[in-house]
């Protein structure tokens, strides 16, 4: 739509925004309650209940995403676009060199940049690890009693350290890449409205075809 808002393009459907919102809420609650338990910053009972409810919400977000992949063409299109290719690594290197030096030509990314693809698959892997280890820990340390000691230690380390890795690497990196870098400051509104400025979008994703402005 041309006018006071300027020209925009659709970046996220309503389904994707609901899915993203549920995922973001649950991940933040899981990290907050998990770190509070890990560092003994709060009472165990309340944080445990909140942690379990947030974990159930994370599973619901994963099911919502899987349903979207089965039923939504926009989900299927985006999933195909998120596949990692060998050319992504070269593009990522050229992109970082261009951002640091300003020399050469900016890479021609498609619908997703290599860093955005890595963020997606990093979140998928992180959520899978957290869900799997969390299910083993659901009934408390006693639920691991039948497992070898090294497996118990591995599960505990994965579950606690993965949460801190998700916070430091994925969330902070994601917030910077999506909302602060590449002209998006102070915020990319796509997660709320589904749309972003066409000028910024085309500059970041110059090789994509068929994305109309409205």
N, C-alpha and C. Protein backbone atom coordinates (compact mmCIF):
# COMPACT_ATOMS: atom_id res chain seq x y z
N UNK A 1 0.85 -1.19 0.00
CA UNK A 1 0.00 0.00 0.00
C UNK A 1 0.89 1.23 0.00
N UNK A 2 0.71 2.09 -1.00
CA UNK A 2 1.44 3.34 -1.04
C UNK A 2 0.63 4.38 -0.29
N UNK A 3 1.29 5.21 0.48
CA UNK A 3 0.58 6.21 1.27
C UNK A 3 1.41 6.61 2.44
N UNK A 4 0.73 6.91 3.55
CA UNK A 4 1.45 7.39 4.72
C UNK A 4 2.41 6.33 5.26
N UNK A 5 1.99 5.05 5.17
CA UNK A 5 2.85 4.01 5.70
C UNK A 5 4.02 3.72 4.76
N UNK A 6 3.94 4.15 3.55
CA UNK A 6 4.96 3.82 2.58
C UNK A 6 4.67 2.47 1.97
N UNK A 7 5.49 2.08 1.02
CA UNK A 7 5.31 0.81 0.34
C UNK A 7 5.85 -0.32 1.21
N UNK A 8 5.08 -1.40 1.32
CA UNK A 8 5.45 -2.52 2.18
C UNK A 8 5.30 -3.83 1.42
N UNK A 9 5.92 -4.87 1.94
CA UNK A 9 5.75 -6.23 1.41
C UNK A 9 5.38 -7.15 2.56
N UNK A 10 4.64 -8.20 2.25
CA UNK A 10 4.28 -9.18 3.27
C UNK A 10 5.48 -10.07 3.58
N UNK A 11 5.77 -10.22 4.85
CA UNK A 11 6.89 -11.04 5.29
C UNK A 11 6.41 -12.25 6.07
N UNK A 12 5.34 -12.08 6.87
CA UNK A 12 4.83 -13.17 7.69
C UNK A 12 3.32 -13.19 7.63
N UNK A 13 2.75 -14.38 7.47
CA UNK A 13 1.29 -14.52 7.50
C UNK A 13 0.80 -14.44 8.94
N UNK A 14 -0.52 -14.35 9.12
CA UNK A 14 -1.09 -14.32 10.46
C UNK A 14 -0.73 -15.59 11.22
N UNK A 15 -0.83 -16.74 10.56
CA UNK A 15 -0.48 -18.02 11.18
C UNK A 15 0.96 -17.98 11.67
N UNK A 16 1.84 -17.51 10.83
CA UNK A 16 3.26 -17.46 11.20
C UNK A 16 3.50 -16.50 12.35
N UNK A 17 2.75 -15.41 12.42
CA UNK A 17 2.93 -14.47 13.52
C UNK A 17 2.43 -15.06 14.84
N UNK A 18 1.32 -15.78 14.79
CA UNK A 18 0.82 -16.45 16.00
C UNK A 18 1.81 -17.51 16.47
N UNK A 19 2.32 -18.25 15.52
CA UNK A 19 3.32 -19.29 15.82
C UNK A 19 4.58 -18.67 16.42
N UNK A 20 5.05 -17.59 15.81
CA UNK A 20 6.25 -16.90 16.29
C UNK A 20 6.02 -16.32 17.68
N UNK A 21 4.84 -15.74 17.90
CA UNK A 21 4.54 -15.16 19.21
C UNK A 21 4.51 -16.20 20.30
N UNK A 22 3.87 -17.35 20.03
CA UNK A 22 3.81 -18.42 21.03
C UNK A 22 5.21 -18.96 21.32
N UNK A 23 6.00 -19.15 20.27
CA UNK A 23 7.36 -19.65 20.45
C UNK A 23 8.19 -18.68 21.27
N UNK A 24 8.14 -17.39 20.93
CA UNK A 24 8.93 -16.39 21.65
C UNK A 24 8.53 -16.33 23.12
N UNK A 25 7.21 -16.34 23.40
CA UNK A 25 6.74 -16.28 24.78
C UNK A 25 7.22 -17.48 25.57
N UNK A 26 7.06 -18.67 25.00
CA UNK A 26 7.43 -19.89 25.72
C UNK A 26 8.93 -19.98 25.95
N UNK A 27 9.72 -19.61 24.94
CA UNK A 27 11.17 -19.66 25.08
C UNK A 27 11.63 -18.70 26.18
N UNK A 28 11.07 -17.49 26.19
CA UNK A 28 11.44 -16.51 27.23
C UNK A 28 11.07 -17.01 28.62
N UNK A 29 9.87 -17.60 28.76
CA UNK A 29 9.45 -18.13 30.05
C UNK A 29 10.32 -19.31 30.47
N UNK A 30 10.67 -20.16 29.51
CA UNK A 30 11.52 -21.31 29.82
C UNK A 30 12.90 -20.87 30.28
N UNK A 31 13.47 -19.92 29.57
CA UNK A 31 14.80 -19.45 29.94
C UNK A 31 14.78 -18.76 31.30
N UNK A 32 13.78 -17.88 31.50
CA UNK A 32 13.70 -17.15 32.76
C UNK A 32 13.49 -18.08 33.95
N UNK A 33 12.52 -18.99 33.85
CA UNK A 33 12.25 -19.90 34.96
C UNK A 33 13.37 -20.92 35.13
N UNK A 34 13.96 -21.36 34.00
CA UNK A 34 15.04 -22.33 34.08
C UNK A 34 16.28 -21.76 34.73
N UNK A 35 16.66 -20.55 34.35
CA UNK A 35 17.83 -19.92 34.96
C UNK A 35 17.58 -19.60 36.43
N UNK A 36 16.34 -19.23 36.76
CA UNK A 36 16.02 -18.96 38.16
C UNK A 36 16.19 -20.22 39.00
N UNK A 37 15.79 -21.37 38.44
CA UNK A 37 15.97 -22.63 39.17
C UNK A 37 17.44 -23.03 39.22
N UNK A 38 18.13 -22.84 38.11
CA UNK A 38 19.53 -23.27 38.03
C UNK A 38 20.40 -22.50 39.02
N UNK A 39 20.17 -21.19 39.10
CA UNK A 39 20.99 -20.36 39.99
C UNK A 39 20.32 -20.11 41.34
N UNK A 40 19.20 -20.83 41.60
CA UNK A 40 18.49 -20.76 42.87
C UNK A 40 18.11 -19.32 43.23
N UNK A 41 17.51 -18.64 42.23
CA UNK A 41 17.09 -17.25 42.43
C UNK A 41 15.65 -17.14 42.89
N UNK A 42 14.92 -18.24 42.90
CA UNK A 42 13.52 -18.22 43.30
C UNK A 42 13.16 -19.57 43.90
N UNK A 43 11.98 -19.62 44.52
CA UNK A 43 11.52 -20.87 45.11
C UNK A 43 11.30 -21.93 44.05
N UNK A 44 11.53 -23.19 44.38
CA UNK A 44 11.48 -24.25 43.37
C UNK A 44 10.08 -24.56 42.85
N UNK A 45 9.04 -24.42 43.70
CA UNK A 45 7.71 -24.87 43.31
C UNK A 45 7.11 -24.02 42.20
N UNK A 46 7.07 -22.71 42.42
CA UNK A 46 6.44 -21.83 41.43
C UNK A 46 7.17 -21.84 40.11
N UNK A 47 8.49 -21.81 40.15
CA UNK A 47 9.26 -21.79 38.90
C UNK A 47 9.13 -23.11 38.15
N UNK A 48 8.99 -24.22 38.89
CA UNK A 48 8.85 -25.52 38.24
C UNK A 48 7.52 -25.60 37.50
N UNK A 49 6.46 -25.13 38.14
CA UNK A 49 5.14 -25.14 37.48
C UNK A 49 5.16 -24.27 36.23
N UNK A 50 5.71 -23.08 36.34
CA UNK A 50 5.80 -22.19 35.19
C UNK A 50 6.65 -22.82 34.10
N UNK A 51 7.74 -23.46 34.47
CA UNK A 51 8.64 -24.08 33.51
C UNK A 51 7.92 -25.19 32.74
N UNK A 52 7.12 -25.97 33.44
CA UNK A 52 6.41 -27.07 32.79
C UNK A 52 5.30 -26.56 31.87
N UNK A 53 4.59 -25.51 32.28
CA UNK A 53 3.56 -24.93 31.42
C UNK A 53 4.19 -24.34 30.17
N UNK A 54 5.32 -23.67 30.33
CA UNK A 54 6.01 -23.10 29.17
C UNK A 54 6.52 -24.20 28.25
N UNK A 55 6.97 -25.31 28.83
CA UNK A 55 7.43 -26.44 28.02
C UNK A 55 6.28 -27.01 27.20
N UNK A 56 5.10 -27.11 27.82
CA UNK A 56 3.93 -27.59 27.08
C UNK A 56 3.59 -26.62 25.95
N UNK A 57 3.73 -25.32 26.21
CA UNK A 57 3.49 -24.32 25.16
C UNK A 57 4.49 -24.45 24.02
N UNK A 58 5.74 -24.78 24.34
CA UNK A 58 6.76 -24.96 23.30
C UNK A 58 6.40 -26.14 22.40
N UNK A 59 5.92 -27.22 23.00
CA UNK A 59 5.48 -28.37 22.20
C UNK A 59 4.29 -27.98 21.32
N UNK A 60 3.38 -27.17 21.87
CA UNK A 60 2.23 -26.70 21.09
C UNK A 60 2.69 -25.84 19.91
N UNK A 61 3.70 -25.01 20.13
CA UNK A 61 4.23 -24.19 19.04
C UNK A 61 4.84 -25.06 17.95
N UNK A 62 5.54 -26.12 18.36
CA UNK A 62 6.13 -27.04 17.38
C UNK A 62 5.04 -27.74 16.58
N UNK A 63 3.96 -28.15 17.25
CA UNK A 63 2.85 -28.80 16.55
C UNK A 63 2.15 -27.83 15.61
N UNK A 64 2.03 -26.58 16.03
CA UNK A 64 1.42 -25.55 15.18
C UNK A 64 2.27 -25.34 13.93
N UNK A 65 3.59 -25.33 14.12
CA UNK A 65 4.49 -25.16 12.99
C UNK A 65 4.39 -26.36 12.03
N UNK A 66 4.35 -27.57 12.59
CA UNK A 66 4.23 -28.77 11.76
C UNK A 66 2.91 -28.78 11.00
N UNK A 67 1.83 -28.33 11.65
CA UNK A 67 0.53 -28.25 10.98
C UNK A 67 0.59 -27.26 9.83
N UNK A 68 1.27 -26.13 10.06
CA UNK A 68 1.41 -25.13 9.00
C UNK A 68 2.16 -25.70 7.81
N UNK A 69 3.19 -26.50 8.07
CA UNK A 69 3.96 -27.10 6.98
C UNK A 69 3.09 -28.05 6.16
N UNK A 70 2.10 -28.66 6.79
CA UNK A 70 1.22 -29.58 6.08
C UNK A 70 0.11 -28.87 5.32
N UNK A 71 -0.38 -27.76 5.85
CA UNK A 71 -1.59 -27.15 5.31
C UNK A 71 -1.38 -25.82 4.60
N UNK A 72 -0.31 -25.10 4.92
CA UNK A 72 -0.15 -23.73 4.43
C UNK A 72 0.90 -23.66 3.31
N UNK A 73 0.51 -23.09 2.18
CA UNK A 73 1.45 -22.94 1.08
C UNK A 73 2.58 -21.98 1.43
N UNK A 74 2.27 -20.93 2.20
CA UNK A 74 3.32 -19.98 2.57
C UNK A 74 4.34 -20.65 3.49
N UNK A 75 3.88 -21.52 4.39
CA UNK A 75 4.81 -22.28 5.23
C UNK A 75 5.70 -23.18 4.37
N UNK A 76 5.08 -23.86 3.43
CA UNK A 76 5.84 -24.78 2.58
C UNK A 76 6.85 -24.02 1.72
N UNK A 77 6.44 -22.86 1.21
CA UNK A 77 7.36 -22.04 0.42
C UNK A 77 8.55 -21.59 1.26
N UNK A 78 8.26 -21.13 2.47
CA UNK A 78 9.34 -20.66 3.33
C UNK A 78 10.25 -21.80 3.75
N UNK A 79 9.68 -22.98 4.00
CA UNK A 79 10.49 -24.12 4.41
C UNK A 79 11.45 -24.53 3.29
N UNK A 80 10.97 -24.50 2.06
CA UNK A 80 11.87 -24.79 0.94
C UNK A 80 12.98 -23.75 0.84
N UNK A 81 12.63 -22.50 1.11
CA UNK A 81 13.62 -21.43 1.04
C UNK A 81 14.64 -21.48 2.16
N UNK A 82 14.32 -22.20 3.25
CA UNK A 82 15.22 -22.29 4.39
C UNK A 82 16.23 -23.43 4.28
N UNK A 83 16.14 -24.20 3.21
CA UNK A 83 17.10 -25.30 3.02
C UNK A 83 18.50 -24.73 2.83
N UNK A 84 19.46 -25.28 3.55
CA UNK A 84 20.85 -24.83 3.43
C UNK A 84 21.48 -25.41 2.17
N UNK A 85 22.18 -24.56 1.43
CA UNK A 85 22.87 -24.97 0.22
C UNK A 85 24.35 -24.62 0.33
N UNK A 86 25.15 -25.25 -0.50
CA UNK A 86 26.59 -24.99 -0.44
C UNK A 86 26.90 -23.53 -0.73
N UNK A 87 26.10 -22.91 -1.60
CA UNK A 87 26.35 -21.51 -1.95
C UNK A 87 26.11 -20.57 -0.78
N UNK A 88 25.34 -21.02 0.21
CA UNK A 88 25.05 -20.16 1.36
C UNK A 88 26.31 -19.80 2.14
N UNK A 89 27.24 -20.73 2.22
CA UNK A 89 28.44 -20.48 3.01
C UNK A 89 29.32 -19.41 2.35
N UNK A 90 29.42 -19.48 1.03
CA UNK A 90 30.16 -18.45 0.32
C UNK A 90 29.48 -17.10 0.41
N UNK A 91 28.15 -17.10 0.31
CA UNK A 91 27.40 -15.85 0.42
C UNK A 91 27.53 -15.26 1.82
N UNK A 92 27.50 -16.11 2.83
CA UNK A 92 27.64 -15.62 4.20
C UNK A 92 29.00 -14.95 4.40
N UNK A 93 30.04 -15.56 3.86
CA UNK A 93 31.38 -14.99 3.98
C UNK A 93 31.46 -13.65 3.26
N UNK A 94 30.94 -13.59 2.02
CA UNK A 94 30.97 -12.34 1.26
C UNK A 94 30.12 -11.27 1.94
N UNK A 95 29.00 -11.70 2.52
CA UNK A 95 28.14 -10.74 3.21
C UNK A 95 28.81 -10.12 4.41
N UNK A 96 29.50 -10.95 5.22
CA UNK A 96 30.20 -10.41 6.38
C UNK A 96 31.35 -9.49 5.96
N UNK A 97 32.06 -9.88 4.88
CA UNK A 97 33.15 -9.03 4.39
C UNK A 97 32.61 -7.69 3.90
N UNK A 98 31.47 -7.73 3.22
CA UNK A 98 30.88 -6.49 2.71
C UNK A 98 30.42 -5.59 3.85
N UNK A 99 29.81 -6.20 4.88
CA UNK A 99 29.33 -5.41 6.01
C UNK A 99 30.49 -4.77 6.78
N UNK A 100 31.61 -5.48 6.87
CA UNK A 100 32.75 -4.98 7.65
C UNK A 100 33.57 -3.95 6.88
N UNK A 101 33.70 -4.14 5.56
CA UNK A 101 34.58 -3.28 4.78
C UNK A 101 33.86 -2.31 3.86
N UNK A 102 32.63 -2.65 3.47
CA UNK A 102 31.90 -1.82 2.52
C UNK A 102 32.42 -1.95 1.10
N UNK A 103 33.30 -2.91 0.86
CA UNK A 103 33.90 -3.08 -0.46
C UNK A 103 33.22 -4.23 -1.21
N UNK A 104 33.26 -4.16 -2.53
CA UNK A 104 32.67 -5.20 -3.35
C UNK A 104 31.18 -5.00 -3.51
N UNK A 105 30.51 -6.04 -3.95
CA UNK A 105 29.06 -5.98 -4.19
C UNK A 105 28.33 -6.73 -3.10
N UNK A 106 27.22 -6.17 -2.65
CA UNK A 106 26.42 -6.84 -1.63
C UNK A 106 25.87 -8.14 -2.19
N UNK A 107 25.88 -9.22 -1.42
CA UNK A 107 25.35 -10.50 -1.90
C UNK A 107 23.88 -10.38 -2.27
N UNK A 108 23.47 -11.17 -3.24
CA UNK A 108 22.08 -11.18 -3.68
C UNK A 108 21.36 -12.35 -3.00
N UNK A 109 20.80 -12.07 -1.85
CA UNK A 109 20.11 -13.11 -1.09
C UNK A 109 18.71 -13.34 -1.64
N UNK A 110 18.20 -14.56 -1.41
CA UNK A 110 16.82 -14.86 -1.73
C UNK A 110 15.90 -14.45 -0.59
N UNK A 111 14.84 -15.20 -0.37
CA UNK A 111 13.88 -14.82 0.67
C UNK A 111 14.51 -14.85 2.05
N UNK A 112 15.51 -15.69 2.24
CA UNK A 112 16.19 -15.78 3.53
C UNK A 112 17.69 -15.68 3.33
N UNK A 113 18.35 -14.95 4.20
CA UNK A 113 19.81 -14.85 4.15
C UNK A 113 20.40 -16.12 4.78
N UNK A 114 21.67 -16.41 4.51
CA UNK A 114 22.29 -17.58 5.15
C UNK A 114 22.23 -17.53 6.68
N UNK A 115 22.39 -16.35 7.26
CA UNK A 115 22.32 -16.23 8.72
C UNK A 115 20.91 -16.53 9.23
N UNK A 116 19.89 -16.11 8.48
CA UNK A 116 18.52 -16.41 8.88
C UNK A 116 18.24 -17.90 8.81
N UNK A 117 18.81 -18.57 7.81
CA UNK A 117 18.66 -20.02 7.72
C UNK A 117 19.31 -20.71 8.91
N UNK A 118 20.52 -20.25 9.27
CA UNK A 118 21.20 -20.84 10.41
C UNK A 118 20.42 -20.61 11.70
N UNK A 119 19.82 -19.43 11.84
CA UNK A 119 19.00 -19.16 13.02
C UNK A 119 17.83 -20.14 13.09
N UNK A 120 17.16 -20.35 11.96
CA UNK A 120 16.01 -21.26 11.94
C UNK A 120 16.41 -22.67 12.36
N UNK A 121 17.44 -23.21 11.72
CA UNK A 121 17.84 -24.57 12.02
C UNK A 121 18.46 -24.67 13.41
N UNK A 122 19.09 -23.60 13.87
CA UNK A 122 19.59 -23.59 15.23
C UNK A 122 18.46 -23.66 16.25
N UNK A 123 17.39 -22.92 15.99
CA UNK A 123 16.23 -22.96 16.88
C UNK A 123 15.57 -24.34 16.85
N UNK A 124 15.44 -24.93 15.64
CA UNK A 124 14.86 -26.27 15.53
C UNK A 124 15.68 -27.28 16.35
N UNK A 125 17.01 -27.25 16.15
CA UNK A 125 17.87 -28.18 16.88
C UNK A 125 17.82 -27.93 18.38
N UNK A 126 17.85 -26.65 18.77
CA UNK A 126 17.80 -26.31 20.19
C UNK A 126 16.51 -26.75 20.84
N UNK A 127 15.39 -26.51 20.17
CA UNK A 127 14.09 -26.91 20.73
C UNK A 127 13.97 -28.43 20.82
N UNK A 128 14.52 -29.15 19.83
CA UNK A 128 14.48 -30.61 19.86
C UNK A 128 15.29 -31.14 21.04
N UNK A 129 16.49 -30.57 21.26
CA UNK A 129 17.31 -31.00 22.38
C UNK A 129 16.65 -30.68 23.72
N UNK A 130 16.09 -29.47 23.81
CA UNK A 130 15.45 -29.06 25.06
C UNK A 130 14.22 -29.91 25.36
N UNK A 131 13.45 -30.22 24.32
CA UNK A 131 12.25 -31.03 24.52
C UNK A 131 12.61 -32.45 24.92
N UNK A 132 13.58 -33.04 24.21
CA UNK A 132 13.97 -34.41 24.52
C UNK A 132 14.54 -34.55 25.93
N UNK A 133 15.47 -33.67 26.27
CA UNK A 133 16.07 -33.74 27.61
C UNK A 133 15.06 -33.34 28.68
N UNK A 134 14.16 -32.39 28.33
CA UNK A 134 13.15 -31.96 29.29
C UNK A 134 12.16 -33.07 29.63
N UNK A 135 11.81 -33.88 28.63
CA UNK A 135 10.89 -34.99 28.89
C UNK A 135 11.52 -35.99 29.85
N UNK A 136 12.82 -36.21 29.73
CA UNK A 136 13.51 -37.12 30.66
C UNK A 136 13.55 -36.56 32.07
N UNK A 137 13.56 -35.22 32.18
CA UNK A 137 13.65 -34.58 33.49
C UNK A 137 12.29 -34.23 34.08
N UNK A 138 11.21 -34.50 33.35
CA UNK A 138 9.87 -34.00 33.71
C UNK A 138 9.47 -34.41 35.13
N UNK A 139 9.76 -35.64 35.52
CA UNK A 139 9.37 -36.12 36.85
C UNK A 139 10.45 -35.91 37.91
N UNK A 140 11.46 -35.09 37.57
CA UNK A 140 12.52 -34.82 38.54
C UNK A 140 13.70 -35.75 38.33
N UNK A 141 14.77 -35.54 39.11
CA UNK A 141 16.00 -36.35 38.96
C UNK A 141 15.74 -37.85 39.06
N UNK A 142 14.71 -38.25 39.81
CA UNK A 142 14.42 -39.68 39.96
C UNK A 142 14.06 -40.35 38.65
N UNK A 143 13.57 -39.57 37.68
CA UNK A 143 13.19 -40.14 36.40
C UNK A 143 14.41 -40.60 35.60
N UNK A 144 15.62 -40.19 36.02
CA UNK A 144 16.85 -40.59 35.33
C UNK A 144 17.56 -41.74 36.03
N UNK A 145 16.96 -42.24 37.12
CA UNK A 145 17.66 -43.22 37.96
C UNK A 145 17.98 -44.50 37.20
N UNK A 146 17.17 -44.86 36.21
CA UNK A 146 17.38 -46.12 35.49
C UNK A 146 18.41 -45.99 34.38
N UNK A 147 18.93 -44.79 34.15
CA UNK A 147 19.89 -44.55 33.09
C UNK A 147 21.31 -44.60 33.63
N UNK A 148 22.30 -44.93 32.78
CA UNK A 148 23.70 -44.88 33.22
C UNK A 148 24.09 -43.47 33.68
N UNK A 149 25.08 -43.39 34.56
CA UNK A 149 25.46 -42.11 35.13
C UNK A 149 25.88 -41.11 34.06
N UNK A 150 26.61 -41.57 33.04
CA UNK A 150 27.09 -40.64 32.02
C UNK A 150 25.93 -40.07 31.22
N UNK A 151 24.87 -40.86 31.03
CA UNK A 151 23.69 -40.37 30.31
C UNK A 151 22.97 -39.33 31.15
N UNK A 152 22.84 -39.59 32.46
CA UNK A 152 22.20 -38.63 33.35
C UNK A 152 22.95 -37.30 33.35
N UNK A 153 24.27 -37.37 33.45
CA UNK A 153 25.07 -36.14 33.45
C UNK A 153 24.93 -35.41 32.11
N UNK A 154 24.91 -36.16 31.02
CA UNK A 154 24.78 -35.55 29.70
C UNK A 154 23.45 -34.84 29.56
N UNK A 155 22.38 -35.46 30.03
CA UNK A 155 21.05 -34.85 29.94
C UNK A 155 20.99 -33.56 30.75
N UNK A 156 21.53 -33.59 31.96
CA UNK A 156 21.51 -32.40 32.82
C UNK A 156 22.32 -31.26 32.21
N UNK A 157 23.50 -31.59 31.67
CA UNK A 157 24.35 -30.57 31.06
C UNK A 157 23.69 -30.00 29.81
N UNK A 158 23.15 -30.88 28.97
CA UNK A 158 22.49 -30.42 27.75
C UNK A 158 21.33 -29.48 28.07
N UNK A 159 20.52 -29.86 29.04
CA UNK A 159 19.32 -29.08 29.32
C UNK A 159 19.64 -27.70 29.90
N UNK A 160 20.61 -27.64 30.80
CA UNK A 160 20.93 -26.35 31.42
C UNK A 160 21.79 -25.48 30.51
N UNK A 161 22.81 -26.06 29.92
CA UNK A 161 23.71 -25.26 29.09
C UNK A 161 23.10 -24.86 27.77
N UNK A 162 22.23 -25.72 27.22
CA UNK A 162 21.58 -25.38 25.96
C UNK A 162 20.70 -24.15 26.14
N UNK A 163 20.05 -24.03 27.28
CA UNK A 163 19.20 -22.86 27.54
C UNK A 163 20.03 -21.58 27.51
N UNK A 164 21.20 -21.62 28.12
CA UNK A 164 22.05 -20.43 28.13
C UNK A 164 22.60 -20.13 26.74
N UNK A 165 22.88 -21.18 25.96
CA UNK A 165 23.35 -20.98 24.59
C UNK A 165 22.26 -20.35 23.74
N UNK A 166 21.02 -20.82 23.90
CA UNK A 166 19.90 -20.26 23.15
C UNK A 166 19.74 -18.78 23.47
N UNK A 167 19.87 -18.44 24.74
CA UNK A 167 19.72 -17.04 25.13
C UNK A 167 20.82 -16.17 24.53
N UNK A 168 22.06 -16.57 24.70
CA UNK A 168 23.20 -15.73 24.30
C UNK A 168 23.33 -15.67 22.78
N UNK A 169 23.28 -16.82 22.12
CA UNK A 169 23.57 -16.87 20.69
C UNK A 169 22.34 -16.60 19.84
N UNK A 170 21.30 -17.38 20.08
CA UNK A 170 20.16 -17.29 19.18
C UNK A 170 19.30 -16.06 19.41
N UNK A 171 18.92 -15.81 20.66
CA UNK A 171 18.00 -14.70 20.91
C UNK A 171 18.69 -13.36 20.67
N UNK A 172 19.86 -13.14 21.26
CA UNK A 172 20.54 -11.87 21.07
C UNK A 172 20.96 -11.68 19.61
N UNK A 173 21.44 -12.74 18.99
CA UNK A 173 21.83 -12.69 17.58
C UNK A 173 20.62 -12.42 16.72
N UNK A 174 19.53 -13.11 17.01
CA UNK A 174 18.29 -12.94 16.24
C UNK A 174 17.76 -11.51 16.38
N UNK A 175 17.74 -10.99 17.60
CA UNK A 175 17.24 -9.63 17.81
C UNK A 175 18.10 -8.62 17.06
N UNK A 176 19.41 -8.81 17.08
CA UNK A 176 20.28 -7.87 16.37
C UNK A 176 20.05 -7.97 14.86
N UNK A 177 20.06 -9.18 14.33
CA UNK A 177 19.97 -9.36 12.89
C UNK A 177 18.63 -8.90 12.33
N UNK A 178 17.55 -9.15 13.06
CA UNK A 178 16.21 -8.84 12.55
C UNK A 178 15.79 -7.41 12.85
N UNK A 179 16.13 -6.89 14.02
CA UNK A 179 15.57 -5.61 14.44
C UNK A 179 16.55 -4.44 14.44
N UNK A 180 17.84 -4.71 14.47
CA UNK A 180 18.79 -3.61 14.58
C UNK A 180 19.64 -3.41 13.33
N UNK A 181 20.04 -4.49 12.70
CA UNK A 181 20.96 -4.41 11.56
C UNK A 181 20.20 -4.14 10.27
N UNK A 182 20.96 -3.79 9.22
CA UNK A 182 20.44 -3.67 7.86
C UNK A 182 19.30 -2.66 7.71
N UNK A 183 19.35 -1.60 8.50
CA UNK A 183 18.35 -0.55 8.35
C UNK A 183 17.04 -0.81 9.05
N UNK A 184 16.95 -1.88 9.86
CA UNK A 184 15.69 -2.21 10.53
C UNK A 184 15.45 -1.44 11.82
N UNK A 185 16.50 -0.81 12.37
CA UNK A 185 16.37 -0.10 13.65
C UNK A 185 15.26 0.95 13.56
N UNK A 186 14.41 1.10 14.61
CA UNK A 186 14.48 0.44 15.92
C UNK A 186 13.78 -0.91 15.98
N UNK A 187 13.02 -1.28 14.91
CA UNK A 187 12.33 -2.56 14.95
C UNK A 187 11.82 -2.90 13.58
N UNK A 188 11.91 -4.19 13.23
CA UNK A 188 11.24 -4.70 12.05
C UNK A 188 9.82 -5.07 12.47
N UNK A 189 8.79 -4.42 11.92
CA UNK A 189 7.43 -4.63 12.40
C UNK A 189 6.77 -5.90 11.89
N UNK A 190 7.46 -6.71 11.09
CA UNK A 190 6.82 -7.87 10.47
C UNK A 190 6.26 -8.84 11.49
N UNK A 191 6.89 -8.97 12.65
CA UNK A 191 6.40 -9.93 13.64
C UNK A 191 5.06 -9.49 14.25
N UNK A 192 4.72 -8.20 14.10
CA UNK A 192 3.44 -7.70 14.61
C UNK A 192 2.41 -7.52 13.50
N UNK A 193 2.83 -6.91 12.39
CA UNK A 193 1.89 -6.58 11.31
C UNK A 193 1.98 -7.54 10.13
N UNK A 194 3.05 -8.30 10.07
CA UNK A 194 3.26 -9.20 8.94
C UNK A 194 3.95 -8.53 7.76
N UNK A 195 4.18 -7.22 7.84
CA UNK A 195 4.73 -6.49 6.71
C UNK A 195 5.96 -5.69 7.14
N UNK A 196 6.83 -5.41 6.17
CA UNK A 196 8.00 -4.59 6.41
C UNK A 196 8.20 -3.66 5.22
N UNK A 197 9.05 -2.66 5.40
CA UNK A 197 9.27 -1.68 4.35
C UNK A 197 9.85 -2.36 3.11
N UNK A 198 9.25 -2.05 1.96
CA UNK A 198 9.69 -2.67 0.72
C UNK A 198 11.13 -2.31 0.38
N UNK A 199 11.52 -1.08 0.66
CA UNK A 199 12.88 -0.64 0.35
C UNK A 199 13.91 -1.48 1.09
N UNK A 200 13.67 -1.72 2.39
CA UNK A 200 14.59 -2.52 3.19
C UNK A 200 14.56 -3.97 2.73
N UNK A 201 13.36 -4.48 2.47
CA UNK A 201 13.23 -5.87 2.06
C UNK A 201 13.98 -6.14 0.76
N UNK A 202 13.80 -5.27 -0.23
CA UNK A 202 14.44 -5.49 -1.52
C UNK A 202 15.95 -5.33 -1.44
N UNK A 203 16.41 -4.50 -0.53
CA UNK A 203 17.84 -4.34 -0.36
C UNK A 203 18.46 -5.60 0.25
N UNK A 204 17.72 -6.24 1.13
CA UNK A 204 18.25 -7.43 1.80
C UNK A 204 18.05 -8.71 0.99
N UNK A 205 17.03 -8.74 0.15
CA UNK A 205 16.66 -9.95 -0.56
C UNK A 205 16.51 -9.67 -2.05
N UNK A 206 17.57 -9.22 -2.64
CA UNK A 206 17.51 -8.69 -4.01
C UNK A 206 17.27 -9.76 -5.08
N UNK A 207 17.59 -11.01 -4.78
CA UNK A 207 17.44 -12.03 -5.82
C UNK A 207 16.08 -12.70 -5.81
N UNK A 208 15.24 -12.39 -4.81
CA UNK A 208 13.92 -13.03 -4.77
C UNK A 208 13.03 -12.44 -5.84
N UNK A 209 12.27 -13.28 -6.48
CA UNK A 209 11.34 -12.85 -7.51
C UNK A 209 9.94 -13.23 -7.08
N UNK A 210 9.02 -12.45 -7.56
CA UNK A 210 7.63 -12.77 -7.32
C UNK A 210 7.06 -12.26 -6.04
N UNK A 211 7.79 -11.42 -5.32
CA UNK A 211 7.28 -10.83 -4.07
C UNK A 211 6.73 -9.47 -4.38
N UNK A 212 5.42 -9.34 -4.42
CA UNK A 212 4.81 -8.08 -4.77
C UNK A 212 4.67 -7.16 -3.60
N UNK A 213 4.64 -5.88 -3.85
CA UNK A 213 4.39 -4.88 -2.81
C UNK A 213 2.95 -4.53 -2.79
N UNK A 214 2.49 -4.12 -1.60
CA UNK A 214 1.08 -3.73 -1.50
C UNK A 214 0.96 -2.55 -0.57
